[in-house]
């Protein structure tokens, strides 16, 4: 795994999109991918954990709510667990990369 960049998304009750669009259509080229759950319903949170586990995606619960706090949650995780990471890339579910094999 490439360890100098981490890609993350903030998810709230949209795990169908994560599973069927993001994870099926985007090549992360070996960079770590993290999902921050932003206060999903219990049912969606469980589904999200299953999707993440199945696809080798780290699942973290947001420390508060909103994308700004999701960013802080991932920054805190990186500072504690990924000392070689130099870049954090926030990816929105409804945005697609510039090239086919991003």
N, C-alpha and C. Protein backbone atom coordinates (compact mmCIF):
# COMPACT_ATOMS: atom_id res chain seq x y z
N UNK A 1 0.84 -1.17 0.00
CA UNK A 1 0.00 0.00 0.00
C UNK A 1 0.89 1.24 0.00
N UNK A 2 0.52 2.19 -0.81
CA UNK A 2 1.21 3.47 -0.82
C UNK A 2 0.81 4.22 0.44
N UNK A 3 1.77 4.78 1.15
CA UNK A 3 1.45 5.34 2.46
C UNK A 3 1.61 6.85 2.60
N UNK A 4 1.88 7.55 1.50
CA UNK A 4 2.09 8.99 1.62
C UNK A 4 0.83 9.81 1.34
N UNK A 5 -0.24 9.16 0.91
CA UNK A 5 -1.50 9.83 0.62
C UNK A 5 -2.65 8.94 1.06
N UNK A 6 -3.66 9.54 1.67
CA UNK A 6 -4.87 8.82 2.05
C UNK A 6 -6.07 9.54 1.43
N UNK A 7 -6.98 8.75 0.90
CA UNK A 7 -8.22 9.26 0.31
C UNK A 7 -9.35 8.93 1.28
N UNK A 8 -10.24 9.89 1.51
CA UNK A 8 -11.36 9.60 2.40
C UNK A 8 -12.65 10.22 1.86
N UNK A 9 -13.75 9.63 2.32
CA UNK A 9 -15.08 10.17 2.06
C UNK A 9 -15.81 10.28 3.38
N UNK A 10 -16.78 11.17 3.42
CA UNK A 10 -17.69 11.28 4.54
C UNK A 10 -19.04 10.74 4.07
N UNK A 11 -19.55 9.74 4.76
CA UNK A 11 -20.78 9.08 4.34
C UNK A 11 -21.88 9.25 5.38
N UNK A 12 -23.08 9.52 4.88
CA UNK A 12 -24.25 9.56 5.77
C UNK A 12 -25.44 8.96 5.02
N UNK A 13 -25.77 7.74 5.40
CA UNK A 13 -26.92 7.04 4.82
C UNK A 13 -26.83 6.91 3.30
N UNK A 14 -25.63 6.76 2.78
CA UNK A 14 -25.48 6.62 1.32
C UNK A 14 -24.52 5.48 0.96
N UNK A 15 -24.63 4.39 1.67
CA UNK A 15 -23.70 3.29 1.44
C UNK A 15 -23.97 2.50 0.17
N UNK A 16 -25.19 2.58 -0.39
CA UNK A 16 -25.41 2.00 -1.71
C UNK A 16 -24.51 2.68 -2.74
N UNK A 17 -24.43 4.00 -2.66
CA UNK A 17 -23.58 4.74 -3.60
C UNK A 17 -22.11 4.39 -3.39
N UNK A 18 -21.69 4.30 -2.14
CA UNK A 18 -20.29 3.94 -1.87
C UNK A 18 -19.99 2.56 -2.45
N UNK A 19 -20.86 1.61 -2.18
CA UNK A 19 -20.61 0.23 -2.63
C UNK A 19 -20.71 0.08 -4.14
N UNK A 20 -21.77 0.63 -4.74
CA UNK A 20 -22.06 0.33 -6.14
C UNK A 20 -21.48 1.33 -7.13
N UNK A 21 -21.15 2.49 -6.69
CA UNK A 21 -20.57 3.50 -7.60
C UNK A 21 -19.09 3.71 -7.31
N UNK A 22 -18.81 4.20 -6.13
CA UNK A 22 -17.42 4.58 -5.80
C UNK A 22 -16.50 3.37 -5.86
N UNK A 23 -16.81 2.33 -5.10
CA UNK A 23 -15.89 1.19 -5.01
C UNK A 23 -15.85 0.35 -6.28
N UNK A 24 -16.89 0.41 -7.09
CA UNK A 24 -16.89 -0.36 -8.35
C UNK A 24 -16.28 0.39 -9.52
N UNK A 25 -16.18 1.70 -9.43
CA UNK A 25 -15.79 2.48 -10.60
C UNK A 25 -14.50 3.27 -10.45
N UNK A 26 -13.89 3.26 -9.29
CA UNK A 26 -12.70 4.07 -9.10
C UNK A 26 -11.54 3.19 -8.67
N UNK A 27 -10.43 3.34 -9.35
CA UNK A 27 -9.20 2.65 -9.01
C UNK A 27 -8.39 3.57 -8.10
N UNK A 28 -8.19 3.18 -6.87
CA UNK A 28 -7.46 4.02 -5.92
C UNK A 28 -5.95 3.81 -5.99
N UNK A 29 -5.52 3.01 -6.95
CA UNK A 29 -4.10 2.81 -7.24
C UNK A 29 -3.26 2.46 -6.02
N UNK A 30 -3.82 1.72 -5.09
CA UNK A 30 -3.05 1.26 -3.94
C UNK A 30 -3.00 2.24 -2.78
N UNK A 31 -3.64 3.38 -2.90
CA UNK A 31 -3.69 4.31 -1.77
C UNK A 31 -4.78 3.88 -0.81
N UNK A 32 -4.55 4.12 0.47
CA UNK A 32 -5.52 3.74 1.48
C UNK A 32 -6.79 4.60 1.34
N UNK A 33 -7.93 3.95 1.54
CA UNK A 33 -9.22 4.61 1.42
C UNK A 33 -9.94 4.48 2.76
N UNK A 34 -10.41 5.60 3.29
CA UNK A 34 -11.06 5.64 4.59
C UNK A 34 -12.47 6.21 4.43
N UNK A 35 -13.42 5.59 5.12
CA UNK A 35 -14.78 6.09 5.16
C UNK A 35 -15.04 6.64 6.56
N UNK A 36 -15.53 7.88 6.63
CA UNK A 36 -15.93 8.48 7.89
C UNK A 36 -17.46 8.50 7.92
N UNK A 37 -18.05 7.76 8.84
CA UNK A 37 -19.51 7.75 8.94
C UNK A 37 -19.97 9.00 9.69
N UNK A 38 -20.88 9.73 9.08
CA UNK A 38 -21.34 11.01 9.63
C UNK A 38 -22.74 10.89 10.22
N UNK A 39 -22.85 10.04 11.25
CA UNK A 39 -24.10 9.90 12.00
C UNK A 39 -25.23 9.24 11.17
N UNK A 40 -24.89 8.17 10.47
CA UNK A 40 -25.90 7.41 9.73
C UNK A 40 -26.86 6.73 10.70
N UNK A 41 -28.00 6.29 10.17
CA UNK A 41 -28.91 5.48 10.98
C UNK A 41 -28.18 4.19 11.37
N UNK A 42 -28.66 3.54 12.40
CA UNK A 42 -28.03 2.29 12.85
C UNK A 42 -27.97 1.26 11.74
N UNK A 43 -29.06 1.14 10.99
CA UNK A 43 -29.12 0.17 9.88
C UNK A 43 -28.08 0.51 8.81
N UNK A 44 -28.01 1.77 8.42
CA UNK A 44 -27.04 2.18 7.40
C UNK A 44 -25.61 2.06 7.92
N UNK A 45 -25.40 2.37 9.19
CA UNK A 45 -24.06 2.25 9.77
C UNK A 45 -23.58 0.80 9.71
N UNK A 46 -24.47 -0.14 10.05
CA UNK A 46 -24.10 -1.55 9.98
C UNK A 46 -23.80 -1.96 8.54
N UNK A 47 -24.62 -1.53 7.61
CA UNK A 47 -24.39 -1.81 6.19
C UNK A 47 -23.05 -1.22 5.77
N UNK A 48 -22.77 0.00 6.19
CA UNK A 48 -21.51 0.66 5.84
C UNK A 48 -20.31 -0.10 6.38
N UNK A 49 -20.41 -0.58 7.61
CA UNK A 49 -19.31 -1.37 8.19
C UNK A 49 -19.06 -2.63 7.37
N UNK A 50 -20.14 -3.28 6.94
CA UNK A 50 -20.01 -4.50 6.12
C UNK A 50 -19.38 -4.19 4.77
N UNK A 51 -19.83 -3.12 4.13
CA UNK A 51 -19.27 -2.71 2.84
C UNK A 51 -17.77 -2.42 2.99
N UNK A 52 -17.43 -1.69 4.02
CA UNK A 52 -16.03 -1.32 4.23
C UNK A 52 -15.17 -2.54 4.52
N UNK A 53 -15.65 -3.42 5.40
CA UNK A 53 -14.88 -4.61 5.73
C UNK A 53 -14.65 -5.48 4.49
N UNK A 54 -15.69 -5.64 3.69
CA UNK A 54 -15.62 -6.46 2.48
C UNK A 54 -14.63 -5.89 1.46
N UNK A 55 -14.44 -4.57 1.48
CA UNK A 55 -13.60 -3.91 0.47
C UNK A 55 -12.29 -3.36 1.04
N UNK A 56 -11.92 -3.79 2.23
CA UNK A 56 -10.67 -3.37 2.85
C UNK A 56 -10.58 -1.85 3.00
N UNK A 57 -11.69 -1.25 3.41
CA UNK A 57 -11.79 0.18 3.65
C UNK A 57 -11.89 0.39 5.16
N UNK A 58 -11.16 1.34 5.68
CA UNK A 58 -11.25 1.64 7.10
C UNK A 58 -12.54 2.41 7.35
N UNK A 59 -13.28 1.99 8.37
CA UNK A 59 -14.53 2.63 8.75
C UNK A 59 -14.31 3.33 10.08
N UNK A 60 -14.49 4.65 10.09
CA UNK A 60 -14.38 5.43 11.32
C UNK A 60 -15.67 6.20 11.54
N UNK A 61 -16.04 6.39 12.79
CA UNK A 61 -17.20 7.22 13.10
C UNK A 61 -16.73 8.64 13.32
N UNK A 62 -17.45 9.58 12.73
CA UNK A 62 -17.12 10.99 12.87
C UNK A 62 -17.20 11.39 14.34
N UNK A 63 -16.24 12.19 14.79
CA UNK A 63 -16.22 12.64 16.18
C UNK A 63 -17.36 13.61 16.48
N UNK A 64 -17.88 14.26 15.46
CA UNK A 64 -19.01 15.17 15.60
C UNK A 64 -19.87 14.99 14.36
N UNK A 65 -20.16 16.07 13.64
CA UNK A 65 -20.92 15.92 12.40
C UNK A 65 -20.46 16.96 11.39
N UNK A 66 -20.65 16.64 10.14
CA UNK A 66 -20.26 17.53 9.05
C UNK A 66 -18.90 17.18 8.46
N UNK A 67 -18.70 17.63 7.23
CA UNK A 67 -17.46 17.33 6.51
C UNK A 67 -16.25 17.92 7.21
N UNK A 68 -16.40 19.11 7.80
CA UNK A 68 -15.27 19.72 8.48
C UNK A 68 -14.82 18.86 9.66
N UNK A 69 -15.75 18.25 10.37
CA UNK A 69 -15.37 17.37 11.48
C UNK A 69 -14.89 16.01 10.98
N UNK A 70 -15.41 15.56 9.84
CA UNK A 70 -14.90 14.33 9.24
C UNK A 70 -13.42 14.52 8.90
N UNK A 71 -13.09 15.71 8.40
CA UNK A 71 -11.69 16.01 8.09
C UNK A 71 -10.85 15.94 9.37
N UNK A 72 -11.36 16.51 10.45
CA UNK A 72 -10.61 16.46 11.72
C UNK A 72 -10.48 15.02 12.20
N UNK A 73 -11.53 14.23 12.04
CA UNK A 73 -11.49 12.82 12.45
C UNK A 73 -10.41 12.08 11.69
N UNK A 74 -10.32 12.28 10.39
CA UNK A 74 -9.30 11.57 9.61
C UNK A 74 -7.90 12.12 9.91
N UNK A 75 -7.78 13.42 10.12
CA UNK A 75 -6.48 14.00 10.49
C UNK A 75 -5.99 13.40 11.81
N UNK A 76 -6.87 13.30 12.78
CA UNK A 76 -6.49 12.70 14.06
C UNK A 76 -6.07 11.25 13.88
N UNK A 77 -6.81 10.50 13.08
CA UNK A 77 -6.46 9.10 12.80
C UNK A 77 -5.09 9.01 12.15
N UNK A 78 -4.86 9.84 11.16
CA UNK A 78 -3.58 9.83 10.44
C UNK A 78 -2.44 10.18 11.39
N UNK A 79 -2.61 11.22 12.19
CA UNK A 79 -1.56 11.61 13.13
C UNK A 79 -1.19 10.49 14.10
N UNK A 80 -2.18 9.71 14.50
CA UNK A 80 -1.94 8.62 15.45
C UNK A 80 -1.48 7.33 14.80
N UNK A 81 -1.87 7.08 13.54
CA UNK A 81 -1.68 5.76 12.95
C UNK A 81 -0.91 5.71 11.65
N UNK A 82 -0.73 6.81 10.96
CA UNK A 82 -0.09 6.78 9.65
C UNK A 82 1.00 7.86 9.55
N UNK A 83 2.11 7.68 10.23
CA UNK A 83 3.13 8.73 10.30
C UNK A 83 3.75 9.10 8.96
N UNK A 84 3.68 8.24 7.97
CA UNK A 84 4.27 8.54 6.66
C UNK A 84 3.34 9.31 5.73
N UNK A 85 2.08 9.48 6.13
CA UNK A 85 1.12 10.17 5.27
C UNK A 85 1.44 11.66 5.23
N UNK A 86 1.53 12.18 4.03
CA UNK A 86 1.81 13.60 3.82
C UNK A 86 0.61 14.35 3.25
N UNK A 87 -0.31 13.62 2.61
CA UNK A 87 -1.46 14.23 1.94
C UNK A 87 -2.73 13.49 2.31
N UNK A 88 -3.82 14.24 2.50
CA UNK A 88 -5.14 13.68 2.71
C UNK A 88 -6.05 14.28 1.65
N UNK A 89 -6.71 13.41 0.90
CA UNK A 89 -7.56 13.83 -0.21
C UNK A 89 -9.01 13.51 0.13
N UNK A 90 -9.85 14.55 0.20
CA UNK A 90 -11.27 14.37 0.46
C UNK A 90 -11.98 14.15 -0.87
N UNK A 91 -12.66 13.03 -0.98
CA UNK A 91 -13.36 12.68 -2.21
C UNK A 91 -14.85 12.73 -1.93
N UNK A 92 -15.59 13.43 -2.75
CA UNK A 92 -17.05 13.48 -2.61
C UNK A 92 -17.67 12.38 -3.46
N UNK A 93 -18.70 11.73 -2.96
CA UNK A 93 -19.31 10.58 -3.62
C UNK A 93 -19.81 10.88 -5.03
N UNK A 94 -20.25 12.08 -5.26
CA UNK A 94 -20.85 12.38 -6.56
C UNK A 94 -19.88 13.07 -7.52
N UNK A 95 -18.60 13.01 -7.22
CA UNK A 95 -17.56 13.56 -8.11
C UNK A 95 -16.72 12.40 -8.63
N UNK A 96 -16.36 12.46 -9.87
CA UNK A 96 -15.56 11.40 -10.45
C UNK A 96 -14.20 11.93 -10.85
N UNK A 97 -13.18 11.10 -10.80
CA UNK A 97 -11.82 11.56 -11.12
C UNK A 97 -11.68 11.98 -12.58
N UNK A 98 -10.64 12.70 -12.85
CA UNK A 98 -10.38 13.22 -14.19
C UNK A 98 -10.08 12.13 -15.19
N UNK A 99 -9.31 11.12 -14.79
CA UNK A 99 -8.94 10.07 -15.72
C UNK A 99 -9.62 8.76 -15.32
N UNK A 100 -9.72 7.85 -16.26
CA UNK A 100 -10.39 6.57 -16.05
C UNK A 100 -9.75 5.75 -14.93
N UNK A 101 -8.45 5.74 -14.86
CA UNK A 101 -7.75 4.92 -13.88
C UNK A 101 -7.07 5.75 -12.81
N UNK A 102 -7.78 6.72 -12.26
CA UNK A 102 -7.22 7.64 -11.26
C UNK A 102 -6.38 6.95 -10.23
